[in-house]
Amino acid sequence: MRYEAGSIKVGDMVSSNCVREAASVQSDDAGPAVSSKAAIRSLFSSLEQKGVRYCHWKSNIRLQETLAAAEDIDLLVDQRDAEAFYIALLESGYKLTQSRSGIGHPGVFHALGLDEASAELVHVHAYFQIVSGDSLAKSYRLPVERSLLEQTRYLHGVRVPTPEAELVLFALRIALKHVGPIEILMTYRHYHSVSKELGWLRQAADAQRAEALCAAWFPSIHPSLFRQLLDAIEAKHAVARRIVLGWRVARRLRGLRRLSPMLGALSRFWRVLSLLAKRFQRRGDLVLHTGGMIVALVGPKATGKSTIGGKLVTRLGQHLDVIHIHAGKPRATLLTLLPRLLLPAARFLLLKERAREYEKPERRQQQRYSLVYILRMSLLAYDRRKLVRRALRAATAGTVVITDRYPSESVAAIDSSCFDDIAVARCRSPLKRWLMNQERALYKGLPKPDLLLRLTAPIEKTIERDARRVKEGGPDAAAVRRRWELENRSDFPGTLEIRVDTDRPLDETIRTVVGTVWAAL
């Protein structure tokens, strides 16, 4: 069954056998009205209605940016309200995630929601316990969660710690980030923001109350040490002084370490490797608890498959592990590498053997194929099978795989088997028949996509778009019309399929596609 995009909503349930179409709290000290995303307003409203004890516990100088989804939402939640918190997240359309590389922390988890108006993900970083310290391993547990939640106020309609409580935790967090070279380097990438946040907190907090609170929470931190620490953090170039004070604080808080120095070093080393791998691969680290999926974009030429696929990767890949593949043009494998290297020369020497020649109606009716063409299609089928199987393994591991085009079960459709029973029966060459049967076998039993987005647009619009492309030979309206029938022939029985009209403004189309994919995940 096929349905039009637009009627499927975020949060709808879907299955493989059927298809469904695709108040913040105010207070006296809330300050001026702040623009915030609907998904964020919905979550905070639900937390208040359910009486969840929470607060946005750090970096509240940038709370306005947080409410606009430009920053992560760092929430501390009372463990006793965990069930209500999970319910609030799910009812607000958020999905739970976990680290692909295993670099999560105990008592801390991530959730993602979608702001439908902007088609951007909202990232919730939730803590049931405060694990902090160095930027990577977070080797310390600061057991003041309940006390912190008892000292909150409203800022822009969101519960946040009192300035004194936030100042104490801020100072200790910065100090513990000065006990190792990696943490120091990471802190100094944006140290101007550290100085700015300290100034904001010191202006709002009462110094004596902050000192008293620090002594109550952490008796080993003397008020004089706390004052020295604040002054050192404020002095931008006092690096050596901060390092000395950082080690003093670390020593005084050694009883709160959750990892021994050895385990902390090993954890830090693994996290550095994971961070480097993430940046090298240009992939996110989070995967959904529900697993990944293969999302196939199919449709006639110039309907926007590559453009929309790229936008999907950009929007979802900001936080999730997402990869983009092209099943229509798979990369060569070891078996096919040498023949594929010879392909440009073959195209130049054998003009009649180009794929576009076999797309012509008169050539298809004859069903006469050269050995070169049959061999090429067999090797292409092998590469597609390898690629699709790798995509399935990645999706099973939690990755969202966005694929431009996808092989179907329909013979003679685009990206599918080229040879039907009649073509095989007419072939007199045993070698050709054997290769044809091998090509047909390679397309059997392929994993099906979990979600199929069939992009559509009027043929006149696709011809117009194709004419704007810079390519060899210039515009070819006849070729676009020929491929129209082939690209609409594909059939994917048993797969969730949604039609998306791309004859609209790109932003509108992207919102529809992102919302449809998010609802299916």
Protein backbone atom coordinates (compact mmCIF):
# COMPACT_ATOMS: atom_id res chain seq x y z
CA MET A 1 0.00 0.00 0.00
CA ARG A 2 1.16 3.52 -0.79
CA TYR A 3 0.26 6.70 1.02
CA GLU A 4 0.95 10.39 0.66
CA ALA A 5 3.31 12.14 3.04
CA GLY A 6 1.73 14.73 5.29
CA SER A 7 -0.81 12.69 7.20
CA ILE A 8 1.79 10.72 9.15
CA LYS A 9 2.56 12.47 12.43
CA VAL A 10 5.54 12.33 14.75
CA GLY A 11 4.81 9.66 17.34
CA ASP A 12 2.44 7.59 15.17
CA MET A 13 3.00 3.83 15.25
CA VAL A 14 3.87 2.11 11.97
CA SER A 15 4.35 -1.49 10.83
CA SER A 16 5.80 -3.33 7.83
CA ASN A 17 2.41 -4.65 6.72
CA CYS A 18 0.52 -1.40 6.71
CA VAL A 19 1.30 2.26 6.16
CA ARG A 20 0.18 5.30 8.09
CA GLU A 21 0.73 8.69 6.55
CA ALA A 22 3.18 10.43 7.22
CA ALA A 23 3.16 26.02 27.85
CA SER A 24 6.10 26.94 29.47
CA VAL A 25 5.85 27.84 33.24
CA GLN A 26 6.04 31.53 34.07
CA SER A 27 7.12 33.17 37.32
CA ASP A 28 7.83 36.61 38.68
CA ASP A 29 11.56 36.31 37.95
CA ALA A 30 11.19 34.58 34.59
CA GLY A 31 12.48 37.66 32.79
CA PRO A 32 11.45 38.77 29.32
CA ALA A 33 9.67 36.44 26.94
CA VAL A 34 12.05 34.01 25.26
CA SER A 35 11.56 32.35 21.90
CA SER A 36 11.67 28.58 22.37
CA LYS A 37 10.98 25.48 20.34
CA ALA A 38 7.59 23.82 20.69
CA ALA A 39 9.20 20.46 21.52
CA ILE A 40 11.11 22.10 24.40
CA ARG A 41 8.11 24.02 25.72
CA SER A 42 6.07 20.82 25.65
CA LEU A 43 8.66 18.93 27.69
CA PHE A 44 9.04 21.55 30.42
CA SER A 45 5.27 21.97 30.63
CA SER A 46 4.88 18.21 31.09
CA LEU A 47 7.56 18.11 33.79
CA GLU A 48 5.74 20.81 35.73
CA GLN A 49 2.34 19.15 35.34
CA LYS A 50 3.69 15.81 36.58
CA GLY A 51 5.49 17.41 39.52
CA VAL A 52 8.90 16.12 38.45
CA ARG A 53 11.72 17.47 40.62
CA TYR A 54 14.24 18.76 38.11
CA CYS A 55 16.41 21.71 37.21
CA HIS A 56 18.51 22.83 34.27
CA TRP A 57 21.63 22.54 36.36
CA LYS A 58 24.46 24.17 34.39
CA SER A 59 25.35 26.75 31.73
CA ASN A 60 22.25 28.81 32.45
CA ILE A 61 23.93 31.90 31.07
CA ARG A 62 23.00 30.34 27.72
CA LEU A 63 19.51 29.23 28.73
CA GLN A 64 17.90 31.32 26.01
CA GLU A 65 20.03 29.55 23.40
CA THR A 66 19.09 26.24 25.03
CA LEU A 67 15.39 26.99 24.72
CA ALA A 68 15.98 27.78 21.04
CA ALA A 69 17.66 24.33 20.62
CA ALA A 70 21.08 25.89 19.95
CA GLU A 71 22.47 24.19 23.08
CA ASP A 72 21.92 20.83 24.79
CA ILE A 73 19.29 20.70 27.54
CA ASP A 74 21.22 19.64 30.69
CA LEU A 75 18.63 18.41 33.18
CA LEU A 76 19.19 17.07 36.68
CA VAL A 77 16.26 14.88 37.74
CA ASP A 78 15.49 13.38 41.12
CA GLN A 79 15.88 9.60 40.95
CA ARG A 80 12.54 9.21 42.72
CA ASP A 81 10.84 10.86 39.74
CA ALA A 82 12.56 8.76 37.08
CA GLU A 83 9.37 7.02 35.92
CA ALA A 84 7.43 10.28 35.57
CA PHE A 85 10.38 11.83 33.76
CA TYR A 86 10.55 9.01 31.22
CA ILE A 87 6.81 9.28 30.64
CA ALA A 88 7.10 13.05 30.10
CA LEU A 89 9.86 12.52 27.55
CA LEU A 90 7.94 9.90 25.59
CA GLU A 91 4.66 11.84 25.68
CA SER A 92 6.51 14.89 24.34
CA GLY A 93 7.81 12.90 21.38
CA TYR A 94 11.38 12.29 22.57
CA LYS A 95 13.25 9.07 21.84
CA LEU A 96 15.84 7.48 24.13
CA THR A 97 19.37 6.96 22.84
CA GLN A 98 22.64 5.38 23.88
CA SER A 99 26.30 5.75 22.92
CA ARG A 100 27.37 3.70 19.90
CA SER A 101 30.96 3.53 21.14
CA GLY A 102 30.10 2.87 24.78
CA ILE A 103 31.33 6.19 26.17
CA GLY A 104 28.27 6.93 28.28
CA HIS A 105 28.34 7.62 32.03
CA PRO A 106 26.39 5.97 34.88
CA GLY A 107 23.20 7.75 35.82
CA VAL A 108 23.34 9.88 32.67
CA PHE A 109 21.45 9.39 29.41
CA HIS A 110 20.49 11.20 26.22
CA ALA A 111 17.14 11.70 24.51
CA LEU A 112 16.28 13.37 21.23
CA GLY A 113 13.12 15.10 20.10
CA LEU A 114 12.08 16.78 16.87
CA ASP A 115 10.96 20.36 16.56
CA GLU A 116 8.53 20.02 13.67
CA ALA A 117 8.52 23.72 12.74
CA SER A 118 12.27 23.79 12.01
CA ALA A 119 12.82 20.05 11.37
CA GLU A 120 15.75 20.15 13.81
CA LEU A 121 16.58 17.71 16.60
CA VAL A 122 16.45 18.76 20.25
CA HIS A 123 19.02 17.11 22.51
CA VAL A 124 18.23 16.35 26.17
CA HIS A 125 21.23 15.42 28.33
CA ALA A 126 19.66 14.05 31.51
CA TYR A 127 21.40 13.33 34.82
CA PHE A 128 20.07 11.31 37.74
CA GLN A 129 23.39 11.82 39.48
CA ILE A 130 26.04 14.47 38.99
CA VAL A 131 29.15 12.91 37.49
CA SER A 132 31.54 15.63 36.57
CA GLY A 133 35.14 16.77 36.66
CA ASP A 134 37.42 16.31 33.69
CA SER A 135 35.74 16.78 30.32
CA LEU A 136 35.96 13.18 29.10
CA ALA A 137 36.07 10.57 31.87
CA LYS A 138 34.08 12.59 34.45
CA SER A 139 35.87 10.78 37.26
CA TYR A 140 34.02 12.42 40.17
CA ARG A 141 30.57 11.97 41.66
CA LEU A 142 29.28 15.10 43.36
CA PRO A 143 26.54 13.72 45.66
CA VAL A 144 24.54 16.91 46.17
CA GLU A 145 21.67 16.21 43.78
CA ARG A 146 18.79 16.42 46.26
CA SER A 147 20.22 19.46 47.99
CA LEU A 148 20.65 21.16 44.62
CA LEU A 149 17.06 20.38 43.61
CA GLU A 150 15.85 21.98 46.84
CA GLN A 151 17.54 25.27 45.93
CA THR A 152 16.02 26.27 42.63
CA ARG A 153 14.39 29.30 41.06
CA TYR A 154 12.69 30.04 37.75
CA LEU A 155 14.57 31.59 34.85
CA HIS A 156 12.70 32.04 31.57
CA GLY A 157 10.06 29.66 32.92
CA VAL A 158 12.56 26.86 33.65
CA ARG A 159 13.75 25.62 37.04
CA VAL A 160 17.45 26.40 37.53
CA PRO A 161 19.71 26.34 40.62
CA THR A 162 20.11 29.42 42.74
CA PRO A 163 23.09 31.52 41.59
CA GLU A 164 25.07 30.46 44.69
CA ALA A 165 24.52 26.74 44.07
CA GLU A 166 25.38 27.03 40.38
CA LEU A 167 28.50 29.06 41.20
CA VAL A 168 29.81 26.40 43.59
CA LEU A 169 29.41 23.59 41.06
CA PHE A 170 30.79 25.72 38.23
CA ALA A 171 33.98 26.53 40.16
CA LEU A 172 34.63 22.90 41.10
CA ARG A 173 33.93 21.67 37.56
CA ILE A 174 36.41 24.15 36.07
CA ALA A 175 39.03 23.29 38.71
CA LEU A 176 38.80 19.56 37.97
CA LYS A 177 39.29 20.30 34.28
CA HIS A 178 42.81 21.53 35.06
CA VAL A 179 44.32 18.25 36.25
CA GLY A 180 45.41 16.87 32.87
CA PRO A 181 46.74 18.19 29.55
CA ILE A 182 43.80 16.96 27.45
CA GLU A 183 41.25 18.60 29.75
CA ILE A 184 43.23 21.84 29.85
CA LEU A 185 43.42 21.99 26.05
CA MET A 186 39.70 21.27 25.70
CA THR A 187 38.84 23.95 28.29
CA TYR A 188 41.00 26.57 26.61
CA ARG A 189 39.40 26.19 23.21
CA HIS A 190 36.59 28.44 24.42
CA TYR A 191 37.92 29.92 27.66
CA HIS A 192 36.36 33.29 26.93
CA SER A 193 32.96 31.69 27.56
CA VAL A 194 34.24 30.37 30.93
CA SER A 195 35.24 33.88 32.02
CA LYS A 196 31.94 35.29 30.81
CA GLU A 197 29.91 32.67 32.70
CA LEU A 198 31.87 33.24 35.90
CA GLY A 199 31.22 36.97 35.69
CA TRP A 200 27.51 36.34 35.15
CA LEU A 201 27.32 34.02 38.16
CA ARG A 202 29.36 36.25 40.50
CA GLN A 203 27.15 39.19 39.65
CA ALA A 204 23.99 37.25 40.50
CA ALA A 205 25.27 35.29 43.53
CA ASP A 206 25.87 36.36 47.10
CA ALA A 207 29.56 35.58 47.76
CA GLN A 208 29.16 34.74 51.45
CA ARG A 209 26.21 32.42 50.82
CA ALA A 210 28.17 30.69 48.07
CA GLU A 211 31.14 30.14 50.39
CA ALA A 212 28.87 28.79 53.12
CA LEU A 213 27.11 26.48 50.67
CA CYS A 214 30.43 25.16 49.35
CA ALA A 215 31.61 24.44 52.90
CA ALA A 216 28.34 22.65 53.67
CA TRP A 217 28.40 20.51 50.55
CA PHE A 218 32.15 19.92 50.40
CA PRO A 219 33.70 20.39 53.87
CA SER A 220 37.19 19.68 52.52
CA ILE A 221 37.06 22.84 50.37
CA HIS A 222 37.95 25.70 52.72
CA PRO A 223 36.33 29.10 51.96
CA SER A 224 39.76 30.62 51.32
CA LEU A 225 40.48 27.93 48.70
CA PHE A 226 37.10 28.59 47.11
CA ARG A 227 37.86 32.33 46.89
CA GLN A 228 41.29 31.69 45.41
CA LEU A 229 39.72 29.40 42.85
CA LEU A 230 37.18 32.00 41.73
CA ASP A 231 39.89 34.64 41.37
CA ALA A 232 42.11 32.27 39.36
CA ILE A 233 39.29 31.35 37.01
CA GLU A 234 38.50 35.01 36.49
CA ALA A 235 42.13 35.81 35.56
CA LYS A 236 42.27 34.57 31.98
CA HIS A 237 46.04 34.10 31.80
CA ALA A 238 46.53 32.55 35.28
CA VAL A 239 46.92 29.07 33.81
CA ALA A 240 49.65 27.86 36.19
CA ARG A 241 47.67 29.07 39.22
CA ARG A 242 44.56 27.24 38.03
CA ILE A 243 46.51 24.03 37.51
CA VAL A 244 47.93 24.19 41.05
CA LEU A 245 44.51 24.93 42.52
CA GLY A 246 42.92 22.25 40.36
CA TRP A 247 45.24 19.62 41.81
CA ARG A 248 44.52 20.88 45.33
CA VAL A 249 40.78 20.59 44.73
CA ALA A 250 41.21 17.13 43.18
CA ARG A 251 43.17 15.99 46.21
CA ARG A 252 40.58 17.38 48.63
CA LEU A 253 37.78 15.62 46.69
CA ARG A 254 39.61 12.32 46.19
CA GLY A 255 37.03 10.59 48.36
CA LEU A 256 34.40 11.41 45.71
CA ARG A 257 36.25 9.76 42.82
CA ARG A 258 34.13 7.18 41.04
CA LEU A 259 37.13 5.96 39.01
CA SER A 260 40.61 5.23 40.30
CA PRO A 261 43.44 7.19 38.64
CA MET A 262 44.34 4.12 36.55
CA LEU A 263 40.77 3.47 35.40
CA GLY A 264 40.28 7.17 34.81
CA ALA A 265 43.34 7.26 32.53
CA LEU A 266 42.13 4.21 30.59
CA SER A 267 38.63 5.67 30.26
CA ARG A 268 40.07 8.97 29.07
CA PHE A 269 42.28 7.22 26.50
CA TRP A 270 39.32 5.27 25.08
CA ARG A 271 37.18 8.39 24.89
CA VAL A 272 39.89 10.31 23.05
CA LEU A 273 40.12 7.50 20.49
CA SER A 274 36.33 7.47 20.12
CA LEU A 275 36.25 11.25 19.68
CA LEU A 276 38.94 11.12 16.99
CA ALA A 277 37.16 8.27 15.19
CA LYS A 278 33.88 10.17 15.31
CA ARG A 279 35.44 13.25 13.72
CA PHE A 280 37.33 11.23 11.13
CA GLN A 281 34.19 9.34 10.10
CA ARG A 282 32.00 12.45 10.44
CA ARG A 283 29.39 10.41 12.25
CA GLY A 284 27.41 10.97 15.43
CA ASP A 285 27.81 8.73 18.45
CA LEU A 286 24.20 8.33 19.53
CA VAL A 287 21.92 5.51 18.39
CA LEU A 288 18.26 5.02 19.29
CA HIS A 289 17.23 2.36 21.80
CA THR A 290 14.83 1.06 19.17
CA GLY A 291 17.69 0.46 16.72
CA GLY A 292 18.49 1.90 13.33
CA MET A 293 16.83 1.51 9.95
CA ILE A 294 17.40 1.68 6.22
CA VAL A 295 15.63 4.66 4.64
CA ALA A 296 15.50 4.44 0.83
CA LEU A 297 14.83 7.41 -1.41
CA VAL A 298 13.54 6.36 -4.81
CA GLY A 299 11.85 8.13 -7.66
CA PRO A 300 12.38 9.46 -11.18
CA LYS A 301 15.41 11.44 -12.18
CA ALA A 302 15.62 15.03 -10.88
CA THR A 303 13.00 14.57 -8.16
CA GLY A 304 15.56 15.57 -5.52
CA LYS A 305 16.86 12.26 -4.15
CA SER A 306 20.45 13.38 -3.60
CA THR A 307 19.47 16.81 -2.27
CA ILE A 308 16.91 15.47 0.17
CA GLY A 309 19.21 12.63 1.22
CA GLY A 310 21.96 15.11 2.02
CA LYS A 311 19.58 17.27 4.06
CA LEU A 312 18.38 14.22 5.99
CA VAL A 313 21.95 13.30 6.87
CA THR A 314 22.67 16.86 7.99
CA ARG A 315 19.56 17.19 10.18
CA LEU A 316 19.58 13.73 11.78
CA GLY A 317 23.36 13.34 11.79
CA GLN A 318 23.84 16.34 14.03
CA HIS A 319 23.35 13.95 16.97
CA LEU A 320 22.58 10.48 15.59
CA ASP A 321 24.86 8.02 13.83
CA VAL A 322 23.80 8.43 10.19
CA ILE A 323 25.48 7.29 6.98
CA HIS A 324 24.62 8.13 3.37
CA ILE A 325 25.06 5.57 0.60
CA HIS A 326 24.17 5.40 -3.10
CA ALA A 327 22.73 2.00 -3.98
CA GLY A 328 22.34 3.11 -7.58
CA LYS A 329 26.08 3.71 -7.91
CA PRO A 330 27.80 1.44 -5.37
CA ARG A 331 31.53 1.63 -4.83
CA ALA A 332 33.65 -1.08 -6.38
CA THR A 333 34.57 -4.11 -4.27
CA LEU A 334 37.80 -6.09 -4.52
CA LEU A 335 36.22 -8.42 -7.07
CA THR A 336 35.02 -5.61 -9.33
CA LEU A 337 37.74 -3.00 -8.83
CA LEU A 338 39.80 -3.82 -11.93
CA PRO A 339 36.85 -4.10 -14.36
CA ARG A 340 35.40 -0.85 -12.96
CA LEU A 341 38.73 0.91 -13.60
CA LEU A 342 38.44 -0.06 -17.25
CA LEU A 343 34.88 1.25 -17.51
CA PRO A 344 35.70 4.80 -18.74
CA ALA A 345 37.76 3.39 -21.63
CA ALA A 346 34.98 0.94 -22.49
CA ARG A 347 32.42 3.74 -22.61
CA PHE A 348 34.64 5.68 -25.02
CA LEU A 349 35.38 2.73 -27.31
CA LEU A 350 32.00 0.98 -27.17
CA LEU A 351 29.44 3.74 -27.52
CA LYS A 352 26.60 1.29 -28.22
CA GLU A 353 27.25 -0.51 -24.93
CA ARG A 354 26.41 2.40 -22.67
CA ALA A 355 23.59 1.82 -20.22
CA ARG A 356 21.51 4.62 -21.74
CA GLU A 357 21.53 2.78 -25.07
CA TYR A 358 19.85 -0.24 -23.50
CA GLU A 359 17.21 2.02 -21.95
CA LYS A 360 15.85 2.94 -25.38
CA PRO A 361 12.52 1.21 -26.17
CA GLU A 362 13.68 -0.40 -29.40
CA ARG A 363 16.75 -1.86 -27.68
CA ARG A 364 14.70 -3.22 -24.77
CA GLN A 365 12.23 -4.89 -27.13
CA GLN A 366 15.01 -6.74 -28.97
CA GLN A 367 16.39 -8.14 -25.68
CA ARG A 368 19.77 -8.71 -27.26
CA TYR A 369 22.61 -8.08 -24.88
CA SER A 370 26.33 -8.17 -25.52
CA LEU A 371 28.70 -10.11 -23.30
CA VAL A 372 30.27 -6.83 -22.16
CA TYR A 373 26.91 -5.44 -21.01
CA ILE A 374 25.87 -8.67 -19.27
CA LEU A 375 29.21 -8.88 -17.46
CA ARG A 376 28.96 -5.25 -16.39
CA MET A 377 25.42 -5.69 -15.04
CA SER A 378 26.49 -8.83 -13.15
CA LEU A 379 29.37 -7.02 -11.49
CA LEU A 380 27.09 -4.09 -10.64
CA ALA A 381 24.60 -6.50 -9.05
CA TYR A 382 27.43 -7.98 -6.96
CA ASP A 383 28.48 -4.54 -5.72
CA ARG A 384 24.88 -3.62 -4.89
CA ARG A 385 24.37 -6.82 -2.93
CA LYS A 386 27.53 -6.20 -0.91
CA LEU A 387 26.50 -2.60 -0.20
CA VAL A 388 22.95 -3.45 0.83
CA ARG A 389 24.15 -6.19 3.17
CA ARG A 390 26.59 -3.79 4.82
CA ALA A 391 23.71 -1.33 5.19
CA LEU A 392 21.67 -3.99 6.99
CA ARG A 393 24.53 -4.71 9.40
CA ALA A 394 24.91 -1.00 10.11
CA ALA A 395 21.17 -0.53 10.69
CA THR A 396 21.12 -3.54 13.01
CA ALA A 397 23.88 -1.87 15.05
CA GLY A 398 21.73 1.27 15.40
CA THR A 399 22.82 3.38 12.44
CA VAL A 400 20.28 5.27 10.34
CA VAL A 401 21.23 4.44 6.74
CA ILE A 402 20.02 6.93 4.13
CA THR A 403 20.30 5.41 0.66
CA ASP A 404 19.91 7.17 -2.65
CA ARG A 405 17.95 4.63 -4.78
CA TYR A 406 17.45 0.97 -3.91
CA PRO A 407 17.13 -2.32 -5.83
CA SER A 408 13.59 -3.64 -6.06
CA GLU A 409 12.01 -7.01 -6.84
CA SER A 410 10.72 -5.75 -10.18
CA VAL A 411 12.68 -7.11 -13.15
CA ALA A 412 13.85 -4.45 -15.63
CA ALA A 413 13.15 -1.63 -13.15
CA ILE A 414 15.92 0.84 -12.44
CA ASP A 415 18.66 -0.51 -10.10
CA SER A 416 17.17 -4.01 -10.31
CA SER A 417 17.73 -7.19 -12.32
CA CYS A 418 17.97 -6.46 -16.07
CA PHE A 419 17.09 -9.89 -17.44
CA ASP A 420 13.68 -11.56 -17.34
CA ASP A 421 12.81 -15.17 -18.19
CA ILE A 422 12.22 -14.34 -21.85
CA ALA A 423 15.63 -12.71 -22.23
CA VAL A 424 17.35 -15.72 -20.68
CA ALA A 425 15.37 -18.15 -22.87
CA ARG A 426 16.23 -16.25 -26.07
CA CYS A 427 19.95 -16.16 -25.31
CA ARG A 428 21.85 -18.85 -27.22
CA SER A 429 25.23 -18.40 -25.54
CA PRO A 430 25.71 -20.69 -22.51
CA LEU A 431 28.16 -18.19 -20.98
CA LYS A 432 25.73 -15.30 -21.37
CA ARG A 433 22.86 -17.36 -19.93
CA TRP A 434 25.01 -18.34 -16.95
CA LEU A 435 25.95 -14.70 -16.27
CA MET A 436 22.33 -13.61 -16.65
CA ASN A 437 21.22 -16.19 -14.09
CA GLN A 438 24.00 -15.11 -11.74
CA GLU A 439 22.87 -11.51 -12.04
CA ARG A 440 19.26 -12.50 -11.32
CA ALA A 441 20.31 -14.57 -8.31
CA LEU A 442 22.26 -11.67 -6.80
CA TYR A 443 19.08 -9.60 -6.57
CA LYS A 444 17.10 -12.33 -4.80
CA GLY A 445 16.77 -12.25 -1.03
CA LEU A 446 18.14 -8.74 -0.61
CA PRO A 447 17.23 -6.97 2.65
CA LYS A 448 14.24 -4.70 2.24
CA PRO A 449 14.37 -1.08 3.32
CA ASP A 450 12.53 -0.29 6.56
CA LEU A 451 11.11 2.91 5.09
CA LEU A 452 10.72 3.83 1.44
CA LEU A 453 10.19 7.45 0.42
CA ARG A 454 9.00 7.62 -3.18
CA LEU A 455 9.71 11.12 -4.42
CA THR A 456 7.45 12.50 -7.12
CA ALA A 457 7.26 15.63 -9.24
CA PRO A 458 5.60 16.52 -12.58
CA ILE A 459 7.70 15.32 -15.50
CA GLU A 460 7.92 18.85 -16.87
CA LYS A 461 9.48 19.97 -13.58
CA THR A 462 12.04 17.14 -13.62
CA ILE A 463 13.01 17.97 -17.21
CA GLU A 464 13.47 21.59 -16.18
CA ARG A 465 15.63 20.61 -13.20
CA ASP A 466 17.70 18.20 -15.28
CA ALA A 467 18.37 20.92 -17.85
CA ARG A 468 19.99 23.05 -15.14
CA ARG A 469 22.56 20.38 -14.35
CA VAL A 470 26.07 20.64 -15.77
CA LYS A 471 26.79 17.34 -17.48
CA GLU A 472 28.36 15.75 -20.54
CA GLY A 473 26.27 16.13 -23.67
CA GLY A 474 24.03 18.83 -22.22
CA PRO A 475 20.29 18.50 -21.41
CA ASP A 476 18.53 15.38 -22.65
CA ALA A 477 14.77 15.59 -22.19
CA ALA A 478 14.28 12.34 -24.11
CA ALA A 479 16.50 10.48 -21.65
CA VAL A 480 14.54 11.86 -18.71
CA ARG A 481 11.27 10.68 -20.29
CA ARG A 482 12.74 7.22 -21.02
CA ARG A 483 13.92 6.77 -17.45
CA TRP A 484 10.60 8.03 -16.09
CA GLU A 485 8.87 4.75 -16.94
CA LEU A 486 11.77 2.62 -15.69
CA GLU A 487 12.09 4.50 -12.40
CA ASN A 488 8.35 4.27 -11.71
CA ARG A 489 8.28 0.54 -12.38
CA SER A 490 9.96 -0.49 -9.11
CA ASP A 491 7.81 -2.23 -6.54
CA PHE A 492 8.58 -2.92 -2.87
CA PRO A 493 5.88 -5.21 -1.43
CA GLY A 494 5.73 -5.41 2.35
CA THR A 495 7.72 -2.20 2.84
CA LEU A 496 6.46 0.95 4.52
CA GLU A 497 6.17 3.29 1.52
CA ILE A 498 5.28 6.97 1.57
CA ARG A 499 4.97 9.28 -1.40
CA VAL A 500 6.51 12.72 -1.10
CA ASP A 501 5.65 15.47 -3.57
CA THR A 502 8.85 17.46 -4.20
CA ASP A 503 7.15 20.05 -6.40
CA ARG A 504 7.13 22.41 -3.43
CA PRO A 505 9.60 24.79 -1.77
CA LEU A 506 12.64 22.83 -0.57
CA ASP A 507 12.24 23.85 3.09
CA GLU A 508 8.67 22.56 3.12
CA THR A 509 9.71 19.28 1.53
CA ILE A 510 12.57 18.84 4.02
CA ARG A 511 10.22 19.38 6.98
CA THR A 512 7.88 16.74 5.60
CA VAL A 513 10.65 14.21 4.97
CA VAL A 514 12.44 14.71 8.29
CA GLY A 515 9.15 14.45 10.18
CA THR A 516 8.18 11.30 8.30
CA VAL A 517 11.51 9.60 8.96
CA TRP A 518 11.50 10.64 12.63
CA ALA A 519 8.00 9.22 13.10
CA ALA A 520 9.11 5.88 11.66
CA LEU A 521 12.31 5.58 13.71
